[in-house]
PDB file of all heavy atoms in Angstrom:
ATOM      1  N   TYR A   1       7.189 -10.056  -8.150  1.00  0.00           N
ATOM      2  CA  TYR A   1       7.371 -11.253  -9.037  1.00  0.00           C
ATOM      3  C   TYR A   1       6.097 -12.049  -8.880  1.00  0.00           C
ATOM      4  O   TYR A   1       5.601 -12.337  -7.782  1.00  0.00           O
ATOM      5  CB  TYR A   1       8.544 -12.035  -8.574  1.00  0.00           C
ATOM      6  CG  TYR A   1       9.908 -11.395  -8.915  1.00  0.00           C
ATOM      7  CD1 TYR A   1      10.797 -11.254  -7.900  1.00  0.00           C
ATOM      8  CD2 TYR A   1      10.248 -11.064 -10.171  1.00  0.00           C
ATOM      9  CE1 TYR A   1      12.068 -10.663  -8.186  1.00  0.00           C
ATOM     10  CE2 TYR A   1      11.402 -10.400 -10.444  1.00  0.00           C
ATOM     11  CZ  TYR A   1      12.310 -10.239  -9.456  1.00  0.00           C
ATOM     12  OH  TYR A   1      13.529  -9.634  -9.752  1.00  0.00           O
ATOM     13  N   ARG A   2       5.542 -12.512 -10.023  1.00  0.00           N
ATOM     14  CA  ARG A   2       4.309 -13.246 -10.020  1.00  0.00           C
ATOM     15  C   ARG A   2       4.384 -14.525  -9.185  1.00  0.00           C
ATOM     16  O   ARG A   2       3.468 -14.945  -8.464  1.00  0.00           O
ATOM     17  CB  ARG A   2       3.919 -13.611 -11.473  1.00  0.00           C
ATOM     18  CG  ARG A   2       3.373 -12.469 -12.209  1.00  0.00           C
ATOM     19  CD  ARG A   2       3.124 -12.884 -13.725  1.00  0.00           C
ATOM     20  NE  ARG A   2       4.417 -12.823 -14.467  1.00  0.00           N
ATOM     21  CZ  ARG A   2       4.500 -13.143 -15.702  1.00  0.00           C
ATOM     22  NH1 ARG A   2       3.431 -13.541 -16.401  1.00  0.00           N
ATOM     23  NH2 ARG A   2       5.597 -13.051 -16.382  1.00  0.00           N
ATOM     24  N   GLU A   3       5.564 -15.208  -9.262  1.00  0.00           N
ATOM     25  CA  GLU A   3       5.694 -16.491  -8.573  1.00  0.00           C
ATOM     26  C   GLU A   3       5.588 -16.358  -7.067  1.00  0.00           C
ATOM     27  O   GLU A   3       5.415 -17.381  -6.294  1.00  0.00           O
ATOM     28  CB  GLU A   3       6.965 -17.147  -8.929  1.00  0.00           C
ATOM     29  CG  GLU A   3       8.245 -16.403  -8.518  1.00  0.00           C
ATOM     30  CD  GLU A   3       9.524 -17.058  -8.931  1.00  0.00           C
ATOM     31  OE1 GLU A   3       9.700 -18.204  -8.436  1.00  0.00           O
ATOM     32  OE2 GLU A   3      10.310 -16.442  -9.717  1.00  0.00           O
ATOM     33  N   HIS A   4       5.761 -15.115  -6.454  1.00  0.00           N
ATOM     34  CA  HIS A   4       5.746 -14.898  -5.056  1.00  0.00           C
ATOM     35  C   HIS A   4       4.507 -14.164  -4.590  1.00  0.00           C
ATOM     36  O   HIS A   4       4.378 -13.910  -3.355  1.00  0.00           O
ATOM     37  CB  HIS A   4       6.998 -14.174  -4.589  1.00  0.00           C
ATOM     38  CG  HIS A   4       8.309 -14.881  -4.897  1.00  0.00           C
ATOM     39  ND1 HIS A   4       8.640 -16.084  -4.328  1.00  0.00           N
ATOM     40  CD2 HIS A   4       9.308 -14.563  -5.702  1.00  0.00           C
ATOM     41  CE1 HIS A   4       9.800 -16.458  -4.764  1.00  0.00           C
ATOM     42  NE2 HIS A   4      10.256 -15.568  -5.655  1.00  0.00           N
ATOM     43  N   GLN A   5       3.552 -13.896  -5.492  1.00  0.00           N
ATOM     44  CA  GLN A   5       2.424 -13.085  -5.024  1.00  0.00           C
ATOM     45  C   GLN A   5       1.520 -13.817  -4.122  1.00  0.00           C
ATOM     46  O   GLN A   5       0.724 -13.161  -3.323  1.00  0.00           O
ATOM     47  CB  GLN A   5       1.687 -12.604  -6.209  1.00  0.00           C
ATOM     48  CG  GLN A   5       2.396 -11.488  -7.052  1.00  0.00           C
ATOM     49  CD  GLN A   5       1.735 -11.074  -8.313  1.00  0.00           C
ATOM     50  OE1 GLN A   5       0.642 -11.587  -8.656  1.00  0.00           O
ATOM     51  NE2 GLN A   5       2.194 -10.000  -8.937  1.00  0.00           N
ATOM     52  N   HIS A   6       1.591 -15.120  -4.001  1.00  0.00           N
ATOM     53  CA  HIS A   6       0.789 -15.894  -3.098  1.00  0.00           C
ATOM     54  C   HIS A   6       1.109 -15.603  -1.615  1.00  0.00           C
ATOM     55  O   HIS A   6       0.350 -15.858  -0.730  1.00  0.00           O
ATOM     56  CB  HIS A   6       0.872 -17.334  -3.335  1.00  0.00           C
ATOM     57  CG  HIS A   6       2.229 -17.969  -3.088  1.00  0.00           C
ATOM     58  ND1 HIS A   6       3.328 -17.764  -3.922  1.00  0.00           N
ATOM     59  CD2 HIS A   6       2.695 -18.678  -2.035  1.00  0.00           C
ATOM     60  CE1 HIS A   6       4.372 -18.440  -3.404  1.00  0.00           C
ATOM     61  NE2 HIS A   6       4.017 -18.947  -2.249  1.00  0.00           N
ATOM     62  N   LEU A   7       2.332 -14.997  -1.385  1.00  0.00           N
ATOM     63  CA  LEU A   7       2.741 -14.610  -0.049  1.00  0.00           C
ATOM     64  C   LEU A   7       2.176 -13.231   0.288  1.00  0.00           C
ATOM     65  O   LEU A   7       2.362 -12.834   1.430  1.00  0.00           O
ATOM     66  CB  LEU A   7       4.284 -14.516   0.049  1.00  0.00           C
ATOM     67  CG  LEU A   7       5.028 -15.876  -0.262  1.00  0.00           C
ATOM     68  CD1 LEU A   7       6.503 -15.666  -0.221  1.00  0.00           C
ATOM     69  CD2 LEU A   7       4.652 -16.955   0.749  1.00  0.00           C
ATOM     70  N   ARG A   8       1.567 -12.530  -0.632  1.00  0.00           N
ATOM     71  CA  ARG A   8       0.809 -11.285  -0.391  1.00  0.00           C
ATOM     72  C   ARG A   8       1.755 -10.155   0.033  1.00  0.00           C
ATOM     73  O   ARG A   8       1.487  -9.373   1.022  1.00  0.00           O
ATOM     74  CB  ARG A   8      -0.246 -11.397   0.620  1.00  0.00           C
ATOM     75  CG  ARG A   8      -1.262 -12.486   0.244  1.00  0.00           C
ATOM     76  CD  ARG A   8      -1.909 -12.149  -1.024  1.00  0.00           C
ATOM     77  NE  ARG A   8      -2.917 -13.128  -1.469  1.00  0.00           N
ATOM     78  CZ  ARG A   8      -3.631 -13.130  -2.617  1.00  0.00           C
ATOM     79  NH1 ARG A   8      -3.323 -12.203  -3.457  1.00  0.00           N
ATOM     80  NH2 ARG A   8      -4.489 -14.079  -2.823  1.00  0.00           N
ATOM     81  N   PRO A   9       2.924  -9.958  -0.590  1.00  0.00           N
ATOM     82  CA  PRO A   9       3.880  -8.905  -0.184  1.00  0.00           C
ATOM     83  C   PRO A   9       3.411  -7.526  -0.523  1.00  0.00           C
ATOM     84  O   PRO A   9       3.655  -6.541   0.154  1.00  0.00           O
ATOM     85  CB  PRO A   9       5.131  -9.210  -1.040  1.00  0.00           C
ATOM     86  CG  PRO A   9       4.624  -9.879  -2.296  1.00  0.00           C
ATOM     87  CD  PRO A   9       3.478 -10.796  -1.810  1.00  0.00           C
ATOM     88  N   ASN A  10       2.485  -7.379  -1.585  1.00  0.00           N
ATOM     89  CA  ASN A  10       2.047  -6.062  -2.024  1.00  0.00           C
ATOM     90  C   ASN A  10       1.155  -5.369  -0.958  1.00  0.00           C
ATOM     91  O   ASN A  10       1.354  -4.217  -0.641  1.00  0.00           O
ATOM     92  CB  ASN A  10       1.297  -6.128  -3.308  1.00  0.00           C
ATOM     93  CG  ASN A  10       2.118  -6.696  -4.498  1.00  0.00           C
ATOM     94  OD1 ASN A  10       3.208  -6.218  -4.608  1.00  0.00           O
ATOM     95  ND2 ASN A  10       1.708  -7.619  -5.203  1.00  0.00           N
ATOM     96  N   GLU A  11       0.276  -6.213  -0.345  1.00  0.00           N
ATOM     97  CA  GLU A  11      -0.533  -5.635   0.698  1.00  0.00           C
ATOM     98  C   GLU A  11       0.286  -5.244   1.923  1.00  0.00           C
ATOM     99  O   GLU A  11       0.055  -4.252   2.602  1.00  0.00           O
ATOM    100  CB  GLU A  11      -1.636  -6.604   1.099  1.00  0.00           C
ATOM    101  CG  GLU A  11      -2.719  -6.797   0.081  1.00  0.00           C
ATOM    102  CD  GLU A  11      -2.445  -7.884  -0.927  1.00  0.00           C
ATOM    103  OE1 GLU A  11      -1.263  -8.318  -1.051  1.00  0.00           O
ATOM    104  OE2 GLU A  11      -3.391  -8.407  -1.514  1.00  0.00           O
ATOM    105  N   ALA A  12       1.278  -6.050   2.202  1.00  0.00           N
ATOM    106  CA  ALA A  12       2.207  -5.785   3.329  1.00  0.00           C
ATOM    107  C   ALA A  12       2.947  -4.542   3.076  1.00  0.00           C
ATOM    108  O   ALA A  12       3.158  -3.715   4.040  1.00  0.00           O
ATOM    109  CB  ALA A  12       3.119  -6.945   3.609  1.00  0.00           C
ATOM    110  N   LEU A  13       3.405  -4.268   1.913  1.00  0.00           N
ATOM    111  CA  LEU A  13       4.118  -3.020   1.568  1.00  0.00           C
ATOM    112  C   LEU A  13       3.199  -1.826   1.780  1.00  0.00           C
ATOM    113  O   LEU A  13       3.692  -0.825   2.364  1.00  0.00           O
ATOM    114  CB  LEU A  13       4.614  -3.047   0.116  1.00  0.00           C
ATOM    115  CG  LEU A  13       5.790  -3.979  -0.188  1.00  0.00           C
ATOM    116  CD1 LEU A  13       5.942  -4.101  -1.712  1.00  0.00           C
ATOM    117  CD2 LEU A  13       7.065  -3.368   0.413  1.00  0.00           C
ATOM    118  N   ILE A  14       2.030  -1.826   1.311  1.00  0.00           N
ATOM    119  CA  ILE A  14       1.142  -0.693   1.466  1.00  0.00           C
ATOM    120  C   ILE A  14       0.788  -0.446   2.968  1.00  0.00           C
ATOM    121  O   ILE A  14       0.840   0.683   3.417  1.00  0.00           O
ATOM    122  CB  ILE A  14      -0.220  -0.909   0.673  1.00  0.00           C
ATOM    123  CG1 ILE A  14       0.133  -0.941  -0.801  1.00  0.00           C
ATOM    124  CG2 ILE A  14      -1.192   0.187   1.020  1.00  0.00           C
ATOM    125  CD1 ILE A  14       0.667   0.296  -1.346  1.00  0.00           C
ATOM    126  N   TRP A  15       0.558  -1.477   3.664  1.00  0.00           N
ATOM    127  CA  TRP A  15       0.242  -1.362   5.165  1.00  0.00           C
ATOM    128  C   TRP A  15       1.399  -0.724   5.868  1.00  0.00           C
ATOM    129  O   TRP A  15       1.227   0.189   6.775  1.00  0.00           O
ATOM    130  CB  TRP A  15      -0.148  -2.640   5.737  1.00  0.00           C
ATOM    131  CG  TRP A  15      -0.439  -2.655   7.211  1.00  0.00           C
ATOM    132  CD1 TRP A  15       0.051  -3.436   8.186  1.00  0.00           C
ATOM    133  CD2 TRP A  15      -1.426  -1.762   7.900  1.00  0.00           C
ATOM    134  NE1 TRP A  15      -0.554  -3.154   9.366  1.00  0.00           N
ATOM    135  CE2 TRP A  15      -1.364  -2.084   9.264  1.00  0.00           C
ATOM    136  CE3 TRP A  15      -2.130  -0.668   7.477  1.00  0.00           C
ATOM    137  CZ2 TRP A  15      -2.097  -1.457  10.197  1.00  0.00           C
ATOM    138  CZ3 TRP A  15      -2.928   0.037   8.391  1.00  0.00           C
ATOM    139  CH2 TRP A  15      -2.896  -0.346   9.747  1.00  0.00           C
ATOM    140  N   HIS A  16       2.650  -1.125   5.525  1.00  0.00           N
ATOM    141  CA  HIS A  16       3.831  -0.510   6.154  1.00  0.00           C
ATOM    142  C   HIS A  16       3.918   0.985   5.774  1.00  0.00           C
ATOM    143  O   HIS A  16       4.184   1.786   6.630  1.00  0.00           O
ATOM    144  CB  HIS A  16       5.083  -1.252   5.712  1.00  0.00           C
ATOM    145  CG  HIS A  16       6.367  -0.779   6.356  1.00  0.00           C
ATOM    146  ND1 HIS A  16       6.974  -1.413   7.411  1.00  0.00           N
ATOM    147  CD2 HIS A  16       7.106   0.310   6.045  1.00  0.00           C
ATOM    148  CE1 HIS A  16       8.026  -0.742   7.817  1.00  0.00           C
ATOM    149  NE2 HIS A  16       8.144   0.263   6.943  1.00  0.00           N
ATOM    150  N   ALA A  17       3.665   1.227   4.494  1.00  0.00           N
ATOM    151  CA  ALA A  17       3.777   2.669   4.053  1.00  0.00           C
ATOM    152  C   ALA A  17       2.760   3.531   4.777  1.00  0.00           C
ATOM    153  O   ALA A  17       3.035   4.712   5.143  1.00  0.00           O
ATOM    154  CB  ALA A  17       3.522   2.735   2.523  1.00  0.00           C
ATOM    155  N   LEU A  18       1.559   3.113   4.930  1.00  0.00           N
ATOM    156  CA  LEU A  18       0.474   3.788   5.633  1.00  0.00           C
ATOM    157  C   LEU A  18       0.878   4.146   7.001  1.00  0.00           C
ATOM    158  O   LEU A  18       0.728   5.283   7.488  1.00  0.00           O
ATOM    159  CB  LEU A  18      -0.847   3.052   5.578  1.00  0.00           C
ATOM    160  CG  LEU A  18      -1.519   2.757   4.219  1.00  0.00           C
ATOM    161  CD1 LEU A  18      -2.790   1.959   4.457  1.00  0.00           C
ATOM    162  CD2 LEU A  18      -1.776   4.078   3.509  1.00  0.00           C
ATOM    163  N   ARG A  19       1.362   3.142   7.666  1.00  0.00           N
ATOM    164  CA  ARG A  19       1.813   3.403   9.114  1.00  0.00           C
ATOM    165  C   ARG A  19       3.058   4.361   9.177  1.00  0.00           C
ATOM    166  O   ARG A  19       3.134   5.266  10.087  1.00  0.00           O
ATOM    167  CB  ARG A  19       2.085   2.096   9.797  1.00  0.00           C
ATOM    168  CG  ARG A  19       0.830   1.280  10.074  1.00  0.00           C
ATOM    169  CD  ARG A  19       1.164  -0.075  10.765  1.00  0.00           C
ATOM    170  NE  ARG A  19       1.844  -0.933   9.832  1.00  0.00           N
ATOM    171  CZ  ARG A  19       2.612  -1.921  10.225  1.00  0.00           C
ATOM    172  NH1 ARG A  19       2.780  -2.256  11.489  1.00  0.00           N
ATOM    173  NH2 ARG A  19       3.236  -2.666   9.322  1.00  0.00           N
ATOM    174  N   TRP A  20       3.981   4.174   8.285  1.00  0.00           N
ATOM    175  CA  TRP A  20       5.140   5.036   8.274  1.00  0.00           C
ATOM    176  C   TRP A  20       4.752   6.529   8.033  1.00  0.00           C
ATOM    177  O   TRP A  20       5.247   7.386   8.750  1.00  0.00           O
ATOM    178  CB  TRP A  20       6.084   4.535   7.104  1.00  0.00           C
ATOM    179  CG  TRP A  20       7.393   5.171   7.047  1.00  0.00           C
ATOM    180  CD1 TRP A  20       8.618   4.651   7.625  1.00  0.00           C
ATOM    181  CD2 TRP A  20       7.762   6.416   6.372  1.00  0.00           C
ATOM    182  NE1 TRP A  20       9.675   5.510   7.296  1.00  0.00           N
ATOM    183  CE2 TRP A  20       9.177   6.581   6.615  1.00  0.00           C
ATOM    184  CE3 TRP A  20       7.057   7.297   5.698  1.00  0.00           C
ATOM    185  CZ2 TRP A  20       9.872   7.637   6.105  1.00  0.00           C
ATOM    186  CZ3 TRP A  20       7.718   8.471   5.203  1.00  0.00           C
ATOM    187  CH2 TRP A  20       9.137   8.589   5.431  1.00  0.00           C
ATOM    188  N   ALA A  21       3.862   6.663   7.059  1.00  0.00           N
ATOM    189  CA  ALA A  21       3.458   8.060   6.722  1.00  0.00           C
ATOM    190  C   ALA A  21       2.676   8.645   7.899  1.00  0.00           C
ATOM    191  O   ALA A  21       2.902   9.847   8.270  1.00  0.00           O
ATOM    192  CB  ALA A  21       2.592   8.063   5.438  1.00  0.00           C
ATOM    193  N   LYS A  22       1.728   7.941   8.421  1.00  0.00           N
ATOM    194  CA  LYS A  22       0.962   8.469   9.576  1.00  0.00           C
ATOM    195  C   LYS A  22       1.824   8.881  10.664  1.00  0.00           C
ATOM    196  O   LYS A  22       1.619   9.915  11.426  1.00  0.00           O
ATOM    197  CB  LYS A  22      -0.029   7.384  10.031  1.00  0.00           C
ATOM    198  CG  LYS A  22      -0.936   7.831  11.199  1.00  0.00           C
ATOM    199  CD  LYS A  22      -1.996   6.825  11.498  1.00  0.00           C
ATOM    200  CE  LYS A  22      -2.773   7.251  12.682  1.00  0.00           C
ATOM    201  NZ  LYS A  22      -3.469   8.516  12.484  1.00  0.00           N
ATOM    202  N   GLY A  23       2.917   8.089  10.950  1.00  0.00           N
ATOM    203  CA  GLY A  23       3.785   8.304  12.100  1.00  0.00           C
ATOM    204  C   GLY A  23       4.603   9.629  11.894  1.00  0.00           C
ATOM    205  O   GLY A  23       5.205  10.165  12.796  1.00  0.00           O
ATOM    206  N   ARG A  24       4.621  10.155  10.673  1.00  0.00           N
ATOM    207  CA  ARG A  24       5.371  11.406  10.380  1.00  0.00           C
ATOM    208  C   ARG A  24       4.446  12.558  10.084  1.00  0.00           C
ATOM    209  O   ARG A  24       4.884  13.533   9.478  1.00  0.00           O
ATOM    210  CB  ARG A  24       6.294  11.181   9.163  1.00  0.00           C
ATOM    211  CG  ARG A  24       7.530  10.353   9.657  1.00  0.00           C
ATOM    212  CD  ARG A  24       8.212   9.538   8.499  1.00  0.00           C
ATOM    213  NE  ARG A  24       9.358   8.753   9.061  1.00  0.00           N
ATOM    214  CZ  ARG A  24       9.238   7.619   9.635  1.00  0.00           C
ATOM    215  NH1 ARG A  24       8.065   7.114   9.941  1.00  0.00           N
ATOM    216  NH2 ARG A  24      10.312   7.029  10.127  1.00  0.00           N
ATOM    217  N   GLY A  25       3.200  12.388  10.490  1.00  0.00           N
ATOM    218  CA  GLY A  25       2.257  13.543  10.321  1.00  0.00           C
ATOM    219  C   GLY A  25       1.582  13.706   9.031  1.00  0.00           C
ATOM    220  O   GLY A  25       0.845  14.693   8.791  1.00  0.00           O
ATOM    221  N   VAL A  26       1.841  12.741   8.058  1.00  0.00           N
ATOM    222  CA  VAL A  26       1.201  12.770   6.774  1.00  0.00           C
ATOM    223  C   VAL A  26      -0.268  12.435   6.994  1.00  0.00           C
ATOM    224  O   VAL A  26      -0.650  11.518   7.710  1.00  0.00           O
ATOM    225  CB  VAL A  26       1.866  11.809   5.746  1.00  0.00           C
ATOM    226  CG1 VAL A  26       1.085  11.729   4.412  1.00  0.00           C
ATOM    227  CG2 VAL A  26       3.278  12.208   5.550  1.00  0.00           C
ATOM    228  N   THR A  27      -1.188  13.147   6.315  1.00  0.00           N
ATOM    229  CA  THR A  27      -2.653  13.009   6.553  1.00  0.00           C
ATOM    230  C   THR A  27      -3.343  12.320   5.378  1.00  0.00           C
ATOM    231  O   THR A  27      -4.594  12.107   5.516  1.00  0.00           O
ATOM    232  CB  THR A  27      -3.316  14.298   6.892  1.00  0.00           C
ATOM    233  OG1 THR A  27      -3.020  15.236   5.748  1.00  0.00           O
ATOM    234  CG2 THR A  27      -2.706  14.924   8.130  1.00  0.00           C
ATOM    235  N   GLU A  28      -2.618  12.086   4.252  1.00  0.00           N
ATOM    236  CA  GLU A  28      -3.360  11.573   3.123  1.00  0.00           C
ATOM    237  C   GLU A  28      -2.382  10.610   2.305  1.00  0.00           C
ATOM    238  O   GLU A  28      -1.250  10.957   2.116  1.00  0.00           O
ATOM    239  CB  GLU A  28      -3.863  12.668   2.213  1.00  0.00           C
ATOM    240  CG  GLU A  28      -4.626  12.138   0.976  1.00  0.00           C
ATOM    241  CD  GLU A  28      -5.031  13.278   0.074  1.00  0.00           C
ATOM    242  OE1 GLU A  28      -4.199  13.857  -0.675  1.00  0.00           O
ATOM    243  OE2 GLU A  28      -6.300  13.637   0.082  1.00  0.00           O
ATOM    244  N   PHE A  29      -2.907   9.469   1.921  1.00  0.00           N
ATOM    245  CA  PHE A  29      -2.221   8.590   1.065  1.00  0.00           C
ATOM    246  C   PHE A  29      -2.895   8.571  -0.275  1.00  0.00           C
ATOM    247  O   PHE A  29      -4.124   8.268  -0.413  1.00  0.00           O
ATOM    248  CB  PHE A  29      -2.133   7.201   1.649  1.00  0.00           C
ATOM    249  CG  PHE A  29      -1.269   6.174   0.834  1.00  0.00           C
ATOM    250  CD1 PHE A  29       0.048   6.087   1.145  1.00  0.00           C
ATOM    251  CD2 PHE A  29      -1.826   5.475  -0.255  1.00  0.00           C
ATOM    252  CE1 PHE A  29       0.826   5.138   0.438  1.00  0.00           C
ATOM    253  CE2 PHE A  29      -0.999   4.583  -0.917  1.00  0.00           C
ATOM    254  CZ  PHE A  29       0.268   4.389  -0.603  1.00  0.00           C
ATOM    255  N   ASP A  30      -2.186   8.853  -1.386  1.00  0.00           N
ATOM    256  CA  ASP A  30      -2.812   9.034  -2.673  1.00  0.00           C
ATOM    257  C   ASP A  30      -2.231   7.948  -3.612  1.00  0.00           C
ATOM    258  O   ASP A  30      -1.021   7.884  -3.860  1.00  0.00           O
ATOM    259  CB  ASP A  30      -2.500  10.425  -3.310  1.00  0.00           C
ATOM    260  CG  ASP A  30      -3.246  10.731  -4.566  1.00  0.00           C
ATOM    261  OD1 ASP A  30      -3.663   9.771  -5.212  1.00  0.00           O
ATOM    262  OD2 ASP A  30      -3.356  11.917  -4.928  1.00  0.00           O
ATOM    263  N   PHE A  31      -3.147   7.027  -4.075  1.00  0.00           N
ATOM    264  CA  PHE A  31      -2.717   5.969  -4.967  1.00  0.00           C
ATOM    265  C   PHE A  31      -2.412   6.449  -6.411  1.00  0.00           C
ATOM    266  O   PHE A  31      -1.931   5.687  -7.227  1.00  0.00           O
ATOM    267  CB  PHE A  31      -3.768   4.853  -5.121  1.00  0.00           C
ATOM    268  CG  PHE A  31      -3.636   3.866  -4.008  1.00  0.00           C
ATOM    269  CD1 PHE A  31      -4.507   3.868  -2.898  1.00  0.00           C
ATOM    270  CD2 PHE A  31      -2.745   2.905  -4.058  1.00  0.00           C
ATOM    271  CE1 PHE A  31      -4.410   2.974  -1.905  1.00  0.00           C
ATOM    272  CE2 PHE A  31      -2.552   2.011  -3.071  1.00  0.00           C
ATOM    273  CZ  PHE A  31      -3.461   1.941  -2.020  1.00  0.00           C
ATOM    274  N   VAL A  32      -2.723   7.758  -6.708  1.00  0.00           N
ATOM    275  CA  VAL A  32      -2.442   8.332  -8.025  1.00  0.00           C
ATOM    276  C   VAL A  32      -3.116   7.468  -9.100  1.00  0.00           C
ATOM    277  O   VAL A  32      -2.495   6.997 -10.080  1.00  0.00           O
ATOM    278  CB  VAL A  32      -0.950   8.536  -8.327  1.00  0.00           C
ATOM    279  CG1 VAL A  32      -0.779   9.465  -9.535  1.00  0.00           C
ATOM    280  CG2 VAL A  32      -0.248   9.105  -7.092  1.00  0.00           C
ATOM    281  N   GLY A  33      -4.411   7.280  -9.016  1.00  0.00           N
ATOM    282  CA  GLY A  33      -5.143   6.567  -9.941  1.00  0.00           C
ATOM    283  C   GLY A  33      -6.346   5.901  -9.209  1.00  0.00           C
ATOM    284  O   GLY A  33      -6.314   5.776  -8.030  1.00  0.00           O
ATOM    285  N   GLY A  34      -7.333   5.514  -9.999  1.00  0.00           N
ATOM    286  CA  GLY A  34      -8.542   4.994  -9.424  1.00  0.00           C
ATOM    287  C   GLY A  34      -8.862   3.536  -9.777  1.00  0.00           C
ATOM    288  O   GLY A  34     -10.056   3.224  -9.827  1.00  0.00           O
ATOM    289  N   ASN A  35      -7.958   2.734  -9.976  1.00  0.00           N
ATOM    290  CA  ASN A  35      -8.160   1.310 -10.290  1.00  0.00           C
ATOM    291  C   ASN A  35      -8.941   0.646  -9.233  1.00  0.00           C
ATOM    292  O   ASN A  35      -8.756   0.886  -8.045  1.00  0.00           O
ATOM    293  CB  ASN A  35      -6.874   0.540 -10.492  1.00  0.00           C
ATOM    294  CG  ASN A  35      -6.150   1.043 -11.763  1.00  0.00           C
ATOM    295  OD1 ASN A  35      -6.645   1.881 -12.498  1.00  0.00           O
ATOM    296  ND2 ASN A  35      -4.904   0.467 -12.005  1.00  0.00           N
ATOM    297  N   SER A  36      -9.869  -0.256  -9.690  1.00  0.00           N
ATOM    298  CA  SER A  36     -10.786  -0.872  -8.646  1.00  0.00           C
ATOM    299  C   SER A  36     -10.101  -1.667  -7.583  1.00  0.00           C
ATOM    300  O   SER A  36     -10.603  -1.716  -6.460  1.00  0.00           O
ATOM    301  CB  SER A  36     -11.783  -1.772  -9.469  1.00  0.00           C
ATOM    302  OG  SER A  36     -11.113  -2.770 -10.126  1.00  0.00           O
ATOM    303  N   TYR A  37      -8.946  -2.224  -7.867  1.00  0.00           N
ATOM    304  CA  TYR A  37      -8.262  -3.085  -6.873  1.00  0.00           C
ATOM    305  C   TYR A  37      -7.826  -2.333  -5.673  1.00  0.00           C
ATOM    306  O   TYR A  37      -7.638  -2.849  -4.547  1.00  0.00           O
ATOM    307  CB  TYR A  37      -7.093  -3.841  -7.471  1.00  0.00           C
ATOM    308  CG  TYR A  37      -5.825  -3.063  -7.538  1.00  0.00           C
ATOM    309  CD1 TYR A  37      -4.913  -3.105  -6.445  1.00  0.00           C
ATOM    310  CD2 TYR A  37      -5.491  -2.349  -8.732  1.00  0.00           C
ATOM    311  CE1 TYR A  37      -3.703  -2.361  -6.560  1.00  0.00           C
ATOM    312  CE2 TYR A  37      -4.340  -1.616  -8.799  1.00  0.00           C
ATOM    313  CZ  TYR A  37      -3.414  -1.674  -7.648  1.00  0.00           C
ATOM    314  OH  TYR A  37      -2.285  -0.887  -7.759  1.00  0.00           O
ATOM    315  N   LYS A  38      -7.723  -0.970  -5.808  1.00  0.00           N
ATOM    316  CA  LYS A  38      -7.267  -0.138  -4.682  1.00  0.00           C
ATOM    317  C   LYS A  38      -8.335   0.051  -3.673  1.00  0.00           C
ATOM    318  O   LYS A  38      -8.016   0.442  -2.535  1.00  0.00           O
ATOM    319  CB  LYS A  38      -6.732   1.173  -5.221  1.00  0.00           C
ATOM    320  CG  LYS A  38      -5.538   1.046  -6.166  1.00  0.00           C
ATOM    321  CD  LYS A  38      -5.282   2.339  -6.921  1.00  0.00           C
ATOM    322  CE  LYS A  38      -4.114   2.099  -7.902  1.00  0.00           C
ATOM    323  NZ  LYS A  38      -3.854   3.272  -8.727  1.00  0.00           N
ATOM    324  N   ALA A  39      -9.600  -0.207  -4.016  1.00  0.00           N
ATOM    325  CA  ALA A  39     -10.689   0.004  -3.092  1.00  0.00           C
ATOM    326  C   ALA A  39     -10.596  -0.858  -1.835  1.00  0.00           C
ATOM    327  O   ALA A  39     -11.121  -0.520  -0.818  1.00  0.00           O
ATOM    328  CB  ALA A  39     -11.973  -0.155  -3.791  1.00  0.00           C
TER     329      ALA A  39
END
């Protein structure tokens, strides 16, 4: 939701996903697209 983006939940979601995947032996995270904000 736009009104809550100042709390930065999106970055927190991705960081949780990266750690979760790494903990299960996953070696690559693919954003399925090359938008500049993902850099």
